[in-house]
């Protein structure tokens, strides 16, 4: 079992920055994919960015160039640096963990990001 706890959300003006953190604990396998998803009011949850345990990253087009996903495997923590925030980025952001061995998936409770215009 894996537990994920997000932090770092808040209220920020358009153009501002936030850094989200996701601390993972439990049965962490060396081979995994972690990612950030978000869900805005009235919309489906969507993928924002992923990072594999060996360092490969991918981003949804809407955030490419503004957001940076990173992870510190020594402390089992993933980050999302969010720059040049837009009102369209307003959503609850969720941390996701997926084992590439078992393909089991785990979710955090979410953290609210609100960008005012």
Protein backbone atom coordinates (compact mmCIF):
# COMPACT_ATOMS: atom_id res chain seq x y z
CA UNK A 1 0.00 0.00 0.00
CA UNK A 2 1.09 3.55 -0.77
CA UNK A 3 -0.05 6.73 0.91
CA UNK A 4 0.23 10.09 -0.83
CA UNK A 5 -0.12 13.49 0.82
CA UNK A 6 -0.22 16.69 -1.24
CA UNK A 7 0.59 20.15 0.05
CA UNK A 8 1.38 23.62 -1.26
CA UNK A 9 -1.91 24.69 -2.78
CA UNK A 10 -3.41 28.09 -2.21
CA UNK A 11 -4.68 31.30 -3.72
CA UNK A 12 -2.46 33.19 -6.14
CA UNK A 13 -2.89 35.97 -8.67
CA UNK A 14 -2.53 35.34 -12.37
CA UNK A 15 1.13 35.29 -13.33
CA UNK A 16 2.20 34.08 -9.93
CA UNK A 17 3.82 30.84 -8.84
CA UNK A 18 3.19 27.92 -6.51
CA UNK A 19 5.09 24.75 -5.72
CA UNK A 20 3.14 21.63 -4.90
CA UNK A 21 4.62 18.71 -3.00
CA UNK A 22 3.57 15.08 -2.76
CA UNK A 23 5.06 12.92 -0.04
CA UNK A 24 4.79 9.18 -0.60
CA UNK A 25 5.05 6.51 2.06
CA UNK A 26 4.48 2.79 2.34
CA UNK A 27 5.50 0.08 -0.10
CA UNK A 28 7.41 2.13 -2.65
CA UNK A 29 8.90 0.06 -5.46
CA UNK A 30 11.95 1.30 -7.30
CA UNK A 31 10.17 1.21 -10.66
CA UNK A 32 7.14 3.48 -10.77
CA UNK A 33 5.46 6.42 -12.42
CA UNK A 34 4.27 9.41 -10.44
CA UNK A 35 2.16 12.19 -11.80
CA UNK A 36 0.02 15.21 -11.16
CA UNK A 37 -3.61 15.37 -12.22
CA UNK A 38 -6.12 18.16 -11.79
CA UNK A 39 -9.88 18.53 -11.77
CA UNK A 40 -11.62 21.84 -12.32
CA UNK A 41 -15.27 22.44 -11.39
CA UNK A 42 -17.57 20.73 -13.86
CA UNK A 43 -14.73 19.02 -15.71
CA UNK A 44 -13.16 15.59 -15.73
CA UNK A 45 -9.90 14.88 -14.01
CA UNK A 46 -7.03 15.39 -16.43
CA UNK A 47 -3.37 14.49 -16.52
CA UNK A 48 -0.97 17.40 -16.00
CA UNK A 49 2.48 15.83 -15.89
CA UNK A 50 4.25 12.55 -15.18
CA UNK A 51 7.72 11.57 -14.04
CA UNK A 52 9.16 8.07 -14.10
CA UNK A 53 11.54 6.73 -11.50
CA UNK A 54 14.38 6.88 -14.02
CA UNK A 55 13.84 10.55 -14.83
CA UNK A 56 11.60 10.73 -17.90
CA UNK A 57 8.99 13.48 -17.83
CA UNK A 58 5.92 14.36 -19.89
CA UNK A 59 3.55 17.31 -19.81
CA UNK A 60 0.13 18.11 -21.12
CA UNK A 61 0.36 20.77 -23.80
CA UNK A 62 -1.52 23.35 -21.74
CA UNK A 63 1.20 23.54 -19.08
CA UNK A 64 4.34 22.83 -21.10
CA UNK A 65 6.91 25.56 -20.54
CA UNK A 66 5.19 26.83 -17.39
CA UNK A 67 5.16 23.81 -15.06
CA UNK A 68 8.07 21.61 -14.05
CA UNK A 69 7.65 18.19 -12.49
CA UNK A 70 10.49 16.76 -10.44
CA UNK A 71 11.06 14.10 -7.84
CA UNK A 72 13.52 13.36 -5.09
CA UNK A 73 13.58 9.59 -4.81
CA UNK A 74 15.76 9.71 -1.70
CA UNK A 75 12.86 11.17 0.27
CA UNK A 76 10.01 9.77 -1.87
CA UNK A 77 8.71 13.22 -2.69
CA UNK A 78 7.45 14.66 -5.96
CA UNK A 79 7.10 18.35 -6.78
CA UNK A 80 5.25 20.48 -9.27
CA UNK A 81 6.67 23.95 -9.80
CA UNK A 82 3.91 26.07 -11.29
CA UNK A 83 4.91 29.37 -12.89
CA UNK A 84 3.00 31.92 -14.93
CA UNK A 85 -0.25 30.65 -13.49
CA UNK A 86 -3.47 31.33 -15.33
CA UNK A 87 -7.07 31.33 -14.10
CA UNK A 88 -7.59 28.23 -16.25
CA UNK A 89 -5.16 26.40 -13.95
CA UNK A 90 -7.66 26.65 -11.08
CA UNK A 91 -8.43 23.12 -9.94
CA UNK A 92 -7.90 20.54 -7.27
CA UNK A 93 -4.51 18.97 -7.94
CA UNK A 94 -4.01 15.29 -7.17
CA UNK A 95 -0.86 13.24 -6.75
CA UNK A 96 -0.83 9.83 -8.43
CA UNK A 97 1.45 6.83 -8.00
CA UNK A 98 1.53 3.81 -10.31
CA UNK A 99 3.72 0.76 -9.96
CA UNK A 100 5.03 -0.45 -13.31
CA UNK A 101 5.42 -3.89 -11.77
CA UNK A 102 1.87 -4.47 -10.53
CA UNK A 103 0.19 -1.50 -12.29
CA UNK A 104 -1.63 -0.72 -9.07
CA UNK A 105 -2.56 2.92 -8.69
CA UNK A 106 -2.86 5.23 -5.68
CA UNK A 107 -4.17 8.76 -5.21
CA UNK A 108 -3.67 11.58 -2.77
CA UNK A 109 -6.50 13.58 -1.26
CA UNK A 110 -5.89 16.64 -3.44
CA UNK A 111 -4.87 20.23 -2.82
CA UNK A 112 -6.78 23.27 -4.05
CA UNK A 113 -5.10 25.74 -6.39
CA UNK A 114 -7.01 28.93 -7.14
CA UNK A 115 -5.69 31.51 -9.59
CA UNK A 116 -7.45 34.87 -9.56
CA UNK A 117 -7.65 37.18 -12.56
